[in-house]
Protein backbone atom coordinates (compact mmCIF):
# COMPACT_ATOMS: atom_id res chain seq x y z
CA MET A 1 248.93 308.86 66.19
CA GLY A 2 247.08 308.19 62.93
CA LEU A 3 246.54 304.80 61.34
CA SER A 4 249.36 303.15 59.42
CA LYS A 5 249.33 303.14 55.61
CA ILE A 6 248.66 299.40 55.70
CA ILE A 7 246.24 297.93 58.23
CA GLN A 8 246.74 294.36 59.34
CA GLY A 9 243.45 292.47 59.19
CA CYS A 10 243.21 289.83 61.89
CA MET A 11 240.17 287.82 60.78
CA THR A 12 242.25 284.76 59.85
CA TYR A 13 244.52 284.83 62.92
CA GLY A 14 242.16 282.55 64.85
CA GLU A 15 239.44 279.96 64.33
CA TRP A 16 238.49 281.26 60.88
CA GLY A 17 241.98 280.80 59.54
CA LYS A 18 245.45 279.80 60.68
CA GLN A 19 244.58 279.28 64.36
CA LEU A 20 247.78 280.98 65.44
CA THR A 21 249.14 280.37 68.92
CA THR A 22 249.59 283.16 71.46
CA HIS A 23 253.31 283.11 70.69
CA ASP A 24 252.67 283.31 66.93
CA ILE A 25 250.33 286.28 67.34
CA ALA A 26 252.79 288.07 69.62
CA LYS A 27 255.58 287.67 67.08
CA ARG A 28 253.38 288.91 64.25
CA ILE A 29 252.39 291.99 66.22
CA GLU A 30 256.05 292.73 66.93
CA SER A 31 257.18 292.12 63.35
CA ASN A 32 254.39 294.23 61.87
CA VAL A 33 255.23 297.15 64.14
CA GLU A 34 258.90 296.83 63.17
CA ASN A 35 257.80 297.09 59.53
CA GLY A 36 255.66 300.17 60.14
CA ILE A 37 252.30 298.39 60.28
CA THR A 38 250.91 299.60 63.57
CA SER A 39 247.15 299.31 62.93
CA PHE A 40 245.20 296.07 63.47
CA ASP A 41 241.65 295.44 62.27
CA HIS A 42 239.18 293.24 64.16
CA ALA A 43 235.48 292.54 64.46
CA ASP A 44 233.65 291.02 67.40
CA ILE A 45 232.38 288.12 65.26
CA TYR A 46 235.76 286.91 63.96
CA GLY A 47 236.43 283.32 64.87
CA GLY A 48 232.87 282.98 66.11
CA TYR A 49 233.47 285.69 68.74
CA THR A 50 236.87 284.24 69.76
CA THR A 51 239.64 285.91 67.74
CA GLU A 52 239.70 289.20 69.64
CA ALA A 53 240.52 287.30 72.84
CA ASP A 54 243.24 285.34 71.01
CA PHE A 55 244.77 288.62 69.85
CA GLY A 56 244.51 290.11 73.32
CA LYS A 57 246.57 287.27 74.77
CA GLY A 58 249.12 287.74 71.99
CA LEU A 59 249.33 291.47 72.63
CA GLN A 60 249.99 290.88 76.33
CA ALA A 61 252.67 288.33 75.48
CA SER A 62 254.39 290.70 73.03
CA HIS A 63 256.92 293.43 73.74
CA ILE A 64 254.68 296.06 72.16
CA GLN A 65 253.16 298.85 74.22
CA ARG A 66 249.46 299.61 73.73
CA SER A 67 250.30 303.23 72.89
CA ASP A 68 252.47 302.09 69.94
CA ILE A 69 249.59 300.49 68.01
CA GLN A 70 246.07 301.31 66.86
CA ILE A 71 243.25 298.81 67.27
CA ILE A 72 240.10 298.87 65.15
CA SER A 73 237.03 296.77 65.83
CA LYS A 74 233.47 296.48 64.58
CA CYS A 75 230.13 295.48 66.01
CA GLY A 76 226.50 295.09 65.01
CA LEU A 77 226.54 291.94 62.90
CA GLN A 78 225.11 289.12 65.00
CA LEU A 79 225.85 285.52 64.04
CA PRO A 80 223.76 282.47 64.99
CA SER A 81 224.89 281.58 68.51
CA PRO A 82 223.14 279.55 71.22
CA GLU A 83 225.21 281.39 73.86
CA ARG A 84 223.87 284.73 72.62
CA GLY A 85 220.37 283.48 71.90
CA ASN A 86 220.81 284.23 68.21
CA GLN A 87 218.75 281.98 65.96
CA LEU A 88 219.78 283.67 62.70
CA LYS A 89 222.19 286.23 61.32
CA HIS A 90 220.93 289.76 61.93
CA TYR A 91 222.00 293.28 62.90
CA GLN A 92 221.66 294.93 66.32
CA TYR A 93 222.27 298.62 66.93
CA ASP A 94 220.42 299.65 70.09
CA ALA A 95 222.56 301.86 72.32
CA ASP A 96 222.84 299.36 75.16
CA TYR A 97 224.11 296.65 72.84
CA ILE A 98 226.64 298.90 71.08
CA VAL A 99 228.09 300.04 74.40
CA ALA A 100 228.14 296.55 75.87
CA GLN A 101 229.80 295.08 72.77
CA ALA A 102 232.46 297.79 72.65
CA ARG A 103 233.30 297.10 76.29
CA GLN A 104 233.40 293.38 75.58
CA SER A 105 235.77 293.85 72.64
CA ILE A 106 238.05 296.05 74.74
CA SER A 107 238.07 293.41 77.47
CA ASN A 108 238.77 290.59 75.01
CA LEU A 109 241.53 292.55 73.30
CA GLN A 110 243.00 293.62 76.66
CA CYS A 111 243.56 297.06 75.18
CA ASP A 112 241.74 299.60 77.47
CA TYR A 113 240.27 301.49 74.48
CA LEU A 114 239.64 301.22 70.75
CA ASP A 115 241.29 303.70 68.40
CA VAL A 116 238.50 303.22 65.85
CA PHE A 117 235.08 301.63 66.39
CA LEU A 118 233.03 300.74 63.31
CA LEU A 119 229.47 299.60 62.66
CA HIS A 120 229.99 296.43 60.63
CA ARG A 121 227.10 296.74 58.15
CA PRO A 122 224.06 299.00 57.83
CA SER A 123 220.78 297.83 59.29
CA PRO A 124 217.36 298.78 57.88
CA LEU A 125 216.28 299.27 61.51
CA MET A 126 219.17 301.45 62.71
CA GLN A 127 218.20 304.70 64.43
CA LYS A 128 220.71 307.53 64.23
CA ASP A 129 219.96 309.04 67.64
CA GLU A 130 220.25 305.64 69.32
CA ILE A 131 223.64 305.09 67.69
CA ALA A 132 224.77 308.65 68.51
CA LYS A 133 223.86 308.12 72.18
CA ALA A 134 226.06 305.03 72.36
CA ILE A 135 229.02 306.63 70.60
CA SER A 136 228.79 309.75 72.76
CA LEU A 137 228.91 307.63 75.90
CA LEU A 138 231.82 305.53 74.68
CA LYS A 139 233.81 308.63 73.76
CA SER A 140 233.03 310.38 77.05
CA GLU A 141 234.36 307.35 78.94
CA GLY A 142 237.51 307.26 76.81
CA LEU A 143 236.65 303.82 75.44
CA ILE A 144 236.83 304.82 71.77
CA LYS A 145 238.75 307.58 70.05
CA ALA A 146 237.09 307.68 66.64
CA PHE A 147 233.91 306.32 65.08
CA GLY A 148 233.22 305.02 61.62
CA VAL A 149 231.19 302.59 59.56
CA SER A 150 231.75 299.70 57.18
CA ASN A 151 229.95 298.95 53.92
CA PHE A 152 227.67 301.99 54.27
CA SER A 153 226.29 303.92 51.29
CA LEU A 154 226.62 307.70 51.10
CA ALA A 155 222.93 308.11 51.91
CA GLN A 156 223.29 305.91 54.99
CA ILE A 157 226.36 307.89 56.04
CA ASP A 158 224.48 311.18 55.65
CA TYR A 159 221.62 309.80 57.72
CA LEU A 160 223.97 309.00 60.62
CA SER A 161 226.19 312.04 60.18
CA SER A 162 223.41 314.39 61.19
CA SER A 163 223.74 312.94 64.71
CA VAL A 164 227.29 311.57 65.02
CA GLU A 165 230.69 312.29 63.44
CA ILE A 166 231.90 309.60 61.04
CA LEU A 167 235.60 309.52 60.17
CA TYR A 168 235.97 306.20 58.31
CA ASN A 169 234.12 303.88 55.97
CA GLN A 170 235.58 300.43 55.34
CA ILE A 171 234.52 299.38 51.84
CA GLN A 172 235.36 296.91 49.11
CA ILE A 173 237.66 298.50 46.57
CA SER A 174 240.44 296.89 44.54
CA CYS A 175 241.73 296.58 40.98
CA THR A 176 239.09 293.88 40.40
CA HIS A 177 236.26 295.63 42.30
CA LEU A 178 235.93 299.15 40.96
CA GLU A 179 232.31 299.91 41.92
CA ALA A 180 233.22 302.41 44.66
CA LEU A 181 235.23 304.34 42.09
CA GLU A 182 232.83 304.01 39.17
CA ASN A 183 229.74 305.02 41.18
CA ASP A 184 231.49 308.04 42.73
CA HIS A 185 231.36 306.65 46.27
CA LEU A 186 235.03 307.51 46.86
CA TYR A 187 234.46 311.08 45.67
CA GLY A 188 231.52 311.35 48.05
CA LEU A 189 233.64 310.16 50.97
CA SER A 190 236.31 312.71 50.09
CA GLN A 191 233.73 315.51 50.01
CA ARG A 192 232.56 314.44 53.48
CA GLN A 193 236.16 314.20 54.79
CA ILE A 194 235.70 310.48 55.52
CA GLN A 195 238.75 308.27 55.00
CA PRO A 196 238.20 304.97 53.19
CA MET A 197 239.64 301.69 54.37
CA ALA A 198 239.71 298.92 51.76
CA TRP A 199 238.79 295.38 52.70
CA GLN A 200 239.99 292.68 50.32
CA PRO A 201 242.35 295.21 48.65
CA LEU A 202 243.94 292.52 46.47
CA GLY A 203 240.56 291.69 45.01
CA GLU A 204 240.47 288.52 42.92
CA VAL A 205 243.92 288.85 41.33
CA PHE A 206 245.00 285.39 42.49
CA LYS A 207 241.84 283.77 41.13
CA LEU A 208 242.11 285.14 37.59
CA ASP A 209 242.85 282.78 34.72
CA SER A 210 246.33 283.15 33.27
CA ASP A 211 244.90 284.46 29.99
CA HIS A 212 242.80 287.18 31.64
CA ASN A 213 243.82 290.66 30.45
CA LEU A 214 244.40 291.89 33.99
CA LYS A 215 246.53 288.86 34.84
CA ILE A 216 248.66 289.44 31.75
CA CYS A 217 249.00 293.11 32.56
CA LEU A 218 250.01 292.39 36.16
CA SER A 219 252.63 289.93 34.94
CA GLU A 220 254.14 292.46 32.55
CA LEU A 221 254.21 295.26 35.12
CA SER A 222 255.60 292.90 37.74
CA SER A 223 258.77 292.60 35.68
CA LYS A 224 258.95 296.33 35.03
CA TYR A 225 258.58 297.41 38.66
CA ASN A 226 260.10 294.32 40.32
CA LEU A 227 256.90 293.91 42.34
CA ASN A 228 254.65 290.91 42.85
CA GLU A 229 250.95 290.95 41.95
CA ALA A 230 249.85 291.75 45.50
CA GLN A 231 252.17 294.74 45.64
CA LEU A 232 250.89 296.01 42.30
CA ALA A 233 247.31 295.75 43.60
CA ILE A 234 248.29 297.88 46.60
CA ALA A 235 250.11 300.37 44.36
CA PHE A 236 247.01 300.61 42.17
CA LEU A 237 244.94 301.74 45.15
CA ASN A 238 247.70 304.00 46.41
CA LYS A 239 247.64 305.96 43.13
CA LEU A 240 244.02 306.97 43.70
CA PRO A 241 243.71 310.43 45.32
CA PHE A 242 241.64 309.29 48.31
CA ASP A 243 244.25 308.20 50.89
CA ILE A 244 242.83 304.67 50.96
CA LEU A 245 244.05 302.44 53.78
CA PRO A 246 244.26 298.80 52.59
CA VAL A 247 243.28 296.17 55.17
CA ILE A 248 245.36 293.13 54.26
CA GLY A 249 244.30 289.68 55.40
CA THR A 250 247.55 287.73 55.20
CA THR A 251 249.06 286.06 58.26
CA SER A 252 252.50 286.11 56.63
CA VAL A 253 254.87 288.68 58.11
CA GLU A 254 256.82 288.80 54.83
CA ARG A 255 253.71 289.50 52.75
CA SER A 256 252.71 292.21 55.18
CA ARG A 257 256.15 293.79 54.87
CA LEU A 258 255.98 293.69 51.07
CA SER A 259 252.53 295.31 51.16
CA MET A 260 253.94 298.14 53.25
CA GLU A 261 256.78 298.61 50.76
CA ALA A 262 254.23 298.88 47.95
CA THR A 263 252.75 302.02 49.50
CA GLN A 264 255.97 303.81 48.45
CA VAL A 265 255.54 302.88 44.78
CA ASP A 266 254.12 305.47 42.40
CA LEU A 267 252.90 303.75 39.24
CA GLU A 268 253.46 305.69 36.05
CA LEU A 269 250.28 307.27 34.72
CA GLN A 270 249.87 305.06 31.68
CA ASP A 271 250.71 301.92 33.66
CA TRP A 272 247.91 302.71 36.12
CA PHE A 273 245.52 303.12 33.21
CA ARG A 274 246.72 299.84 31.71
CA LEU A 275 245.58 298.11 34.89
CA TYR A 276 242.35 300.09 34.94
CA GLU A 277 241.59 299.23 31.32
CA ALA A 278 242.46 295.55 31.82
CA SER A 279 240.15 295.34 34.83
CA ARG A 280 237.24 297.04 33.08
CA GLY A 281 237.70 295.06 29.90
CA HIS A 282 237.66 298.13 27.65
CA GLU A 283 239.55 301.35 27.14
CA VAL A 284 238.41 304.66 28.59
CA ALA A 285 235.98 306.69 26.49
């Protein structure tokens, strides 16, 4: 089973956000699956290394079978932690650590395996063969199904790809953050057959002043399409020819459902360019 068209980000489920109870998490898992959102995005560091375990308890308390969902997690970004002996934020990508952290995430999530395992951010010290050794072992033991990266440049991807297959790159892309489109990163991923996931896919649309061109444009199109601003932001990404998977951060079941509905919306050509122009601040050449 592939990933769902919308991925539920779980960073704010725990200590870094709403501090949902086990019951709350279980109900959100069930409701998301009912709405077609079957993929859930994690990282070992969320909640100060606690949110994966919170989710795992919720998954066990839910009526959802492990085989009906896809779980994504990330490793490699180390936060200051007396328990871990970390004095400062840094990256760690030796094979032993990658394997140990993947096993720890699987244990915390109570999920037996990860559908997708990502390296959270590139490290200047990462060694491709060391990473490849870890991923090969994890795959051979059935602990991960697919491997990817997050926030990696095309050059960094090519460096790793000579030793290990990369299927995903989780990047920042939205109607207010167009760099991955403007600098051809998305085209490069497509050429390499790497699927993009989009973190913060709504961008800064809720922080824009009411007189900002993009805010005005979103308001006008909201009436035309009977969509809210968040849905229009999802539809904007969906129009791009790169099969982008938005990772939404809301803890609201209703907002998640509306995001999923937005993946069925096909913006008219000139309406998409109206949003594009409003975001860039000038018309196309």
